Amino acid sequence: MSIKIEDDNLYDVAGLAEILNVTEKTIHKLLREKVLKGKKLGKKWYVTGAALKSYFSGENNSNEQK
């Protein structure tokens, strides 16, 4: 599920897993290892569109294989 806030989107774990065609377990692992930046609100984790773009551009991936 995606929520639009101003000029960015917030993605929950289930929605992000579906979009990226991976398991929710994979998304939780990326968040736990701080490879993907997110915020927890209540019991749910959310990732912004900006954080997702940053992840794919490699800006904050010190663990990325080269």
PDB file of N, CA and C in Angstrom:
ATOM      1  N   MET A   1       0.834  -1.179   0.000  1.00  0.00           N
ATOM      2  CA  MET A   1       0.000   0.000   0.000  1.00  0.00           C
ATOM      3  C   MET A   1       0.882   1.247   0.000  1.00  0.00           C
ATOM      4  N   SER A   2       0.482   2.215  -0.748  1.00  0.00           N
ATOM      5  CA  SER A   2       1.218   3.469  -0.858  1.00  0.00           C
ATOM      6  C   SER A   2       0.327   4.611  -0.386  1.00  0.00           C
ATOM      7  N   ILE A   3       0.904   5.536   0.387  1.00  0.00           N
ATOM      8  CA  ILE A   3       0.188   6.706   0.872  1.00  0.00           C
ATOM      9  C   ILE A   3       0.901   7.940   0.341  1.00  0.00           C
ATOM     10  N   LYS A   4       0.183   8.836  -0.301  1.00  0.00           N
ATOM     11  CA  LYS A   4       0.765  10.061  -0.842  1.00  0.00           C
ATOM     12  C   LYS A   4       0.781  11.133   0.243  1.00  0.00           C
ATOM     13  N   ILE A   5       1.968  11.682   0.530  1.00  0.00           N
ATOM     14  CA  ILE A   5       2.115  12.788   1.470  1.00  0.00           C
ATOM     15  C   ILE A   5       2.918  13.874   0.769  1.00  0.00           C
ATOM     16  N   GLU A   6       2.257  14.999   0.563  1.00  0.00           N
ATOM     17  CA  GLU A   6       2.825  16.108  -0.192  1.00  0.00           C
ATOM     18  C   GLU A   6       3.386  15.599  -1.518  1.00  0.00           C
ATOM     19  N   ASP A   7       4.691  15.672  -1.727  1.00  0.00           N
ATOM     20  CA  ASP A   7       5.254  15.272  -3.015  1.00  0.00           C
ATOM     21  C   ASP A   7       5.999  13.941  -2.946  1.00  0.00           C
ATOM     22  N   ASP A   8       5.713  13.123  -1.926  1.00  0.00           N
ATOM     23  CA  ASP A   8       6.387  11.833  -1.771  1.00  0.00           C
ATOM     24  C   ASP A   8       5.366  10.759  -1.433  1.00  0.00           C
ATOM     25  N   ASN A   9       5.750   9.525  -1.579  1.00  0.00           N
ATOM     26  CA  ASN A   9       4.908   8.391  -1.218  1.00  0.00           C
ATOM     27  C   ASN A   9       5.509   7.656  -0.034  1.00  0.00           C
ATOM     28  N   LEU A  10       4.641   7.092   0.797  1.00  0.00           N
ATOM     29  CA  LEU A  10       5.055   6.196   1.873  1.00  0.00           C
ATOM     30  C   LEU A  10       4.597   4.801   1.491  1.00  0.00           C
ATOM     31  N   TYR A  11       5.492   3.847   1.587  1.00  0.00           N
ATOM     32  CA  TYR A  11       5.180   2.460   1.250  1.00  0.00           C
ATOM     33  C   TYR A  11       5.279   1.620   2.518  1.00  0.00           C
ATOM     34  N   ASP A  12       4.259   0.782   2.776  1.00  0.00           N
ATOM     35  CA  ASP A  12       4.376  -0.154   3.887  1.00  0.00           C
ATOM     36  C   ASP A  12       5.110  -1.396   3.393  1.00  0.00           C
ATOM     37  N   VAL A  13       5.469  -2.266   4.309  1.00  0.00           N
ATOM     38  CA  VAL A  13       6.282  -3.442   3.978  1.00  0.00           C
ATOM     39  C   VAL A  13       5.569  -4.336   2.958  1.00  0.00           C
ATOM     40  N   ALA A  14       4.289  -4.593   3.172  1.00  0.00           N
ATOM     41  CA  ALA A  14       3.546  -5.470   2.263  1.00  0.00           C
ATOM     42  C   ALA A  14       3.480  -4.880   0.852  1.00  0.00           C
ATOM     43  N   GLY A  15       3.202  -3.592   0.762  1.00  0.00           N
ATOM     44  CA  GLY A  15       3.130  -2.942  -0.539  1.00  0.00           C
ATOM     45  C   GLY A  15       4.468  -2.908  -1.246  1.00  0.00           C
ATOM     46  N   LEU A  16       5.506  -2.626  -0.502  1.00  0.00           N
ATOM     47  CA  LEU A  16       6.851  -2.578  -1.066  1.00  0.00           C
ATOM     48  C   LEU A  16       7.292  -3.954  -1.555  1.00  0.00           C
ATOM     49  N   ALA A  17       6.989  -4.978  -0.777  1.00  0.00           N
ATOM     50  CA  ALA A  17       7.334  -6.344  -1.175  1.00  0.00           C
ATOM     51  C   ALA A  17       6.627  -6.715  -2.478  1.00  0.00           C
ATOM     52  N   GLU A  18       5.371  -6.320  -2.594  1.00  0.00           N
ATOM     53  CA  GLU A  18       4.611  -6.621  -3.813  1.00  0.00           C
ATOM     54  C   GLU A  18       5.179  -5.869  -5.015  1.00  0.00           C
ATOM     55  N   ILE A  19       5.475  -4.598  -4.838  1.00  0.00           N
ATOM     56  CA  ILE A  19       6.017  -3.781  -5.928  1.00  0.00           C
ATOM     57  C   ILE A  19       7.354  -4.330  -6.412  1.00  0.00           C
ATOM     58  N   LEU A  20       8.219  -4.722  -5.469  1.00  0.00           N
ATOM     59  CA  LEU A  20       9.562  -5.175  -5.816  1.00  0.00           C
ATOM     60  C   LEU A  20       9.645  -6.679  -6.084  1.00  0.00           C
ATOM     61  N   ASN A  21       8.525  -7.366  -5.903  1.00  0.00           N
ATOM     62  CA  ASN A  21       8.443  -8.805  -6.147  1.00  0.00           C
ATOM     63  C   ASN A  21       9.438  -9.591  -5.282  1.00  0.00           C
ATOM     64  N   VAL A  22       9.464  -9.221  -3.995  1.00  0.00           N
ATOM     65  CA  VAL A  22      10.260  -9.930  -2.996  1.00  0.00           C
ATOM     66  C   VAL A  22       9.343 -10.240  -1.821  1.00  0.00           C
ATOM     67  N   THR A  23       9.847 -10.991  -0.848  1.00  0.00           N
ATOM     68  CA  THR A  23       9.029 -11.304   0.314  1.00  0.00           C
ATOM     69  C   THR A  23       9.071 -10.168   1.334  1.00  0.00           C
ATOM     70  N   GLU A  24       8.073 -10.143   2.194  1.00  0.00           N
ATOM     71  CA  GLU A  24       8.064  -9.172   3.282  1.00  0.00           C
ATOM     72  C   GLU A  24       9.271  -9.404   4.198  1.00  0.00           C
ATOM     73  N   LYS A  25       9.667 -10.661   4.322  1.00  0.00           N
ATOM     74  CA  LYS A  25      10.833 -11.012   5.136  1.00  0.00           C
ATOM     75  C   LYS A  25      12.089 -10.306   4.603  1.00  0.00           C
ATOM     76  N   THR A  26      12.217 -10.235   3.289  1.00  0.00           N
ATOM     77  CA  THR A  26      13.363  -9.551   2.671  1.00  0.00           C
ATOM     78  C   THR A  26      13.352  -8.066   3.003  1.00  0.00           C
ATOM     79  N   ILE A  27      12.184  -7.437   2.915  1.00  0.00           N
ATOM     80  CA  ILE A  27      12.079  -6.008   3.238  1.00  0.00           C
ATOM     81  C   ILE A  27      12.427  -5.780   4.708  1.00  0.00           C
ATOM     82  N   HIS A  28      11.907  -6.625   5.596  1.00  0.00           N
ATOM     83  CA  HIS A  28      12.223  -6.492   7.027  1.00  0.00           C
ATOM     84  C   HIS A  28      13.723  -6.649   7.282  1.00  0.00           C
ATOM     85  N   LYS A  29      14.368  -7.560   6.553  1.00  0.00           N
ATOM     86  CA  LYS A  29      15.811  -7.762   6.701  1.00  0.00           C
ATOM     87  C   LYS A  29      16.573  -6.502   6.280  1.00  0.00           C
ATOM     88  N   LEU A  30      16.189  -5.912   5.166  1.00  0.00           N
ATOM     89  CA  LEU A  30      16.842  -4.688   4.690  1.00  0.00           C
ATOM     90  C   LEU A  30      16.667  -3.545   5.691  1.00  0.00           C
ATOM     91  N   LEU A  31      15.474  -3.453   6.280  1.00  0.00           N
ATOM     92  CA  LEU A  31      15.228  -2.417   7.286  1.00  0.00           C
ATOM     93  C   LEU A  31      16.031  -2.687   8.559  1.00  0.00           C
ATOM     94  N   ARG A  32      16.050  -3.932   9.007  1.00  0.00           N
ATOM     95  CA  ARG A  32      16.761  -4.306  10.234  1.00  0.00           C
ATOM     96  C   ARG A  32      18.256  -4.026  10.095  1.00  0.00           C
ATOM     97  N   GLU A  33      18.819  -4.327   8.918  1.00  0.00           N
ATOM     98  CA  GLU A  33      20.249  -4.116   8.674  1.00  0.00           C
ATOM     99  C   GLU A  33      20.562  -2.675   8.282  1.00  0.00           C
ATOM    100  N   LYS A  34      19.536  -1.829   8.243  1.00  0.00           N
ATOM    101  CA  LYS A  34      19.656  -0.407   7.901  1.00  0.00           C
ATOM    102  C   LYS A  34      20.230  -0.192   6.512  1.00  0.00           C
ATOM    103  N   VAL A  35      20.001  -1.150   5.634  1.00  0.00           N
ATOM    104  CA  VAL A  35      20.387  -1.008   4.232  1.00  0.00           C
ATOM    105  C   VAL A  35      19.348  -0.142   3.533  1.00  0.00           C
ATOM    106  N   LEU A  36      18.104  -0.308   3.943  1.00  0.00           N
ATOM    107  CA  LEU A  36      16.980   0.484   3.449  1.00  0.00           C
ATOM    108  C   LEU A  36      16.467   1.298   4.629  1.00  0.00           C
ATOM    109  N   LYS A  37      16.360   2.618   4.448  1.00  0.00           N
ATOM    110  CA  LYS A  37      15.928   3.475   5.544  1.00  0.00           C
ATOM    111  C   LYS A  37      14.404   3.520   5.618  1.00  0.00           C
ATOM    112  N   GLY A  38      13.904   3.372   6.826  1.00  0.00           N
ATOM    113  CA  GLY A  38      12.474   3.425   7.055  1.00  0.00           C
ATOM    114  C   GLY A  38      12.177   3.931   8.449  1.00  0.00           C
ATOM    115  N   LYS A  39      10.898   4.146   8.712  1.00  0.00           N
ATOM    116  CA  LYS A  39      10.444   4.593  10.024  1.00  0.00           C
ATOM    117  C   LYS A  39       9.305   3.696  10.468  1.00  0.00           C
ATOM    118  N   LYS A  40       9.268   3.419  11.758  1.00  0.00           N
ATOM    119  CA  LYS A  40       8.205   2.605  12.312  1.00  0.00           C
ATOM    120  C   LYS A  40       7.172   3.527  12.958  1.00  0.00           C
ATOM    121  N   LEU A  41       5.925   3.336  12.589  1.00  0.00           N
ATOM    122  CA  LEU A  41       4.821   4.088  13.163  1.00  0.00           C
ATOM    123  C   LEU A  41       3.829   3.072  13.705  1.00  0.00           C
ATOM    124  N   GLY A  42       3.713   3.008  15.018  1.00  0.00           N
ATOM    125  CA  GLY A  42       2.898   1.960  15.625  1.00  0.00           C
ATOM    126  C   GLY A  42       3.587   0.621  15.405  1.00  0.00           C
ATOM    127  N   LYS A  43       2.883  -0.303  14.770  1.00  0.00           N
ATOM    128  CA  LYS A  43       3.452  -1.623  14.503  1.00  0.00           C
ATOM    129  C   LYS A  43       3.904  -1.789  13.059  1.00  0.00           C
ATOM    130  N   LYS A  44       3.760  -0.745  12.246  1.00  0.00           N
ATOM    131  CA  LYS A  44       4.078  -0.860  10.826  1.00  0.00           C
ATOM    132  C   LYS A  44       5.297  -0.024  10.455  1.00  0.00           C
ATOM    133  N   TRP A  45       6.095  -0.565   9.532  1.00  0.00           N
ATOM    134  CA  TRP A  45       7.241   0.132   8.985  1.00  0.00           C
ATOM    135  C   TRP A  45       6.828   0.802   7.678  1.00  0.00           C
ATOM    136  N   TYR A  46       7.392   1.975   7.438  1.00  0.00           N
ATOM    137  CA  TYR A  46       7.145   2.706   6.197  1.00  0.00           C
ATOM    138  C   TYR A  46       8.462   3.166   5.600  1.00  0.00           C
ATOM    139  N   VAL A  47       8.511   3.176   4.284  1.00  0.00           N
ATOM    140  CA  VAL A  47       9.678   3.632   3.533  1.00  0.00           C
ATOM    141  C   VAL A  47       9.200   4.716   2.582  1.00  0.00           C
ATOM    142  N   THR A  48       9.910   5.830   2.538  1.00  0.00           N
ATOM    143  CA  THR A  48       9.529   6.899   1.609  1.00  0.00           C
ATOM    144  C   THR A  48      10.030   6.585   0.206  1.00  0.00           C
ATOM    145  N   GLY A  49       9.397   7.213  -0.758  1.00  0.00           N
ATOM    146  CA  GLY A  49       9.858   7.075  -2.131  1.00  0.00           C
ATOM    147  C   GLY A  49      11.289   7.571  -2.282  1.00  0.00           C
ATOM    148  N   ALA A  50      11.621   8.640  -1.556  1.00  0.00           N
ATOM    149  CA  ALA A  50      12.986   9.184  -1.602  1.00  0.00           C
ATOM    150  C   ALA A  50      14.000   8.178  -1.066  1.00  0.00           C
ATOM    151  N   ALA A  51      13.652   7.488   0.027  1.00  0.00           N
ATOM    152  CA  ALA A  51      14.562   6.481   0.600  1.00  0.00           C
ATOM    153  C   ALA A  51      14.729   5.309  -0.362  1.00  0.00           C
ATOM    154  N   LEU A  52      13.654   4.955  -1.050  1.00  0.00           N
ATOM    155  CA  LEU A  52      13.714   3.870  -2.028  1.00  0.00           C
ATOM    156  C   LEU A  52      14.616   4.243  -3.207  1.00  0.00           C
ATOM    157  N   LYS A  53      14.490   5.470  -3.697  1.00  0.00           N
ATOM    158  CA  LYS A  53      15.359   5.943  -4.787  1.00  0.00           C
ATOM    159  C   LYS A  53      16.813   5.965  -4.329  1.00  0.00           C
ATOM    160  N   SER A  54      17.041   6.398  -3.104  1.00  0.00           N
ATOM    161  CA  SER A  54      18.390   6.443  -2.544  1.00  0.00           C
ATOM    162  C   SER A  54      18.989   5.039  -2.458  1.00  0.00           C
ATOM    163  N   TYR A  55      18.175   4.077  -2.048  1.00  0.00           N
ATOM    164  CA  TYR A  55      18.632   2.684  -1.967  1.00  0.00           C
ATOM    165  C   TYR A  55      19.078   2.188  -3.337  1.00  0.00           C
ATOM    166  N   PHE A  56      18.265   2.440  -4.356  1.00  0.00           N
ATOM    167  CA  PHE A  56      18.592   1.943  -5.689  1.00  0.00           C
ATOM    168  C   PHE A  56      19.725   2.714  -6.357  1.00  0.00           C
ATOM    169  N   SER A  57      19.944   3.955  -5.934  1.00  0.00           N
ATOM    170  CA  SER A  57      21.062   4.707  -6.503  1.00  0.00           C
ATOM    171  C   SER A  57      22.370   4.370  -5.804  1.00  0.00           C
ATOM    172  N   GLY A  58      22.283   3.652  -4.667  1.00  0.00           N
ATOM    173  CA  GLY A  58      23.476   3.250  -3.938  1.00  0.00           C
ATOM    174  C   GLY A  58      24.040   4.308  -3.027  1.00  0.00           C
ATOM    175  N   GLU A  59      23.288   5.388  -2.779  1.00  0.00           N
ATOM    176  CA  GLU A  59      23.785   6.488  -1.962  1.00  0.00           C
ATOM    177  C   GLU A  59      24.090   6.090  -0.524  1.00  0.00           C
ATOM    178  N   ASN A  60      23.307   5.187   0.043  1.00  0.00           N
ATOM    179  CA  ASN A  60      23.551   4.796   1.431  1.00  0.00           C
ATOM    180  C   ASN A  60      23.729   3.305   1.569  1.00  0.00           C
ATOM    181  N   ASN A  61      24.329   2.680   0.573  1.00  0.00           N
ATOM    182  CA  ASN A  61      24.560   1.229   0.588  1.00  0.00           C
ATOM    183  C   ASN A  61      26.043   0.939   0.764  1.00  0.00           C
ATOM    184  N   SER A  62      26.519   0.963   1.990  1.00  0.00           N
ATOM    185  CA  SER A  62      27.917   0.630   2.213  1.00  0.00           C
ATOM    186  C   SER A  62      28.139  -0.868   2.087  1.00  0.00           C
ATOM    187  N   ASN A  63      27.048  -1.664   2.158  1.00  0.00           N
ATOM    188  CA  ASN A  63      27.150  -3.130   2.059  1.00  0.00           C
ATOM    189  C   ASN A  63      26.982  -3.638   0.634  1.00  0.00           C
ATOM    190  N   GLU A  64      26.767  -2.732  -0.303  1.00  0.00           N
ATOM    191  CA  GLU A  64      26.520  -3.135  -1.685  1.00  0.00           C
ATOM    192  C   GLU A  64      27.761  -3.787  -2.279  1.00  0.00           C
ATOM    193  N   GLN A  65      27.545  -4.915  -2.960  1.00  0.00           N
ATOM    194  CA  GLN A  65      28.657  -5.597  -3.604  1.00  0.00           C
ATOM    195  C   GLN A  65      29.030  -4.883  -4.892  1.00  0.00           C
ATOM    196  N   LYS A  66      30.301  -4.849  -5.183  1.00  0.00           N
ATOM    197  CA  LYS A  66      30.773  -4.178  -6.398  1.00  0.00           C
ATOM    198  C   LYS A  66      31.335  -5.175  -7.356  1.00  0.00           C
TER     199      LYS A  66
END
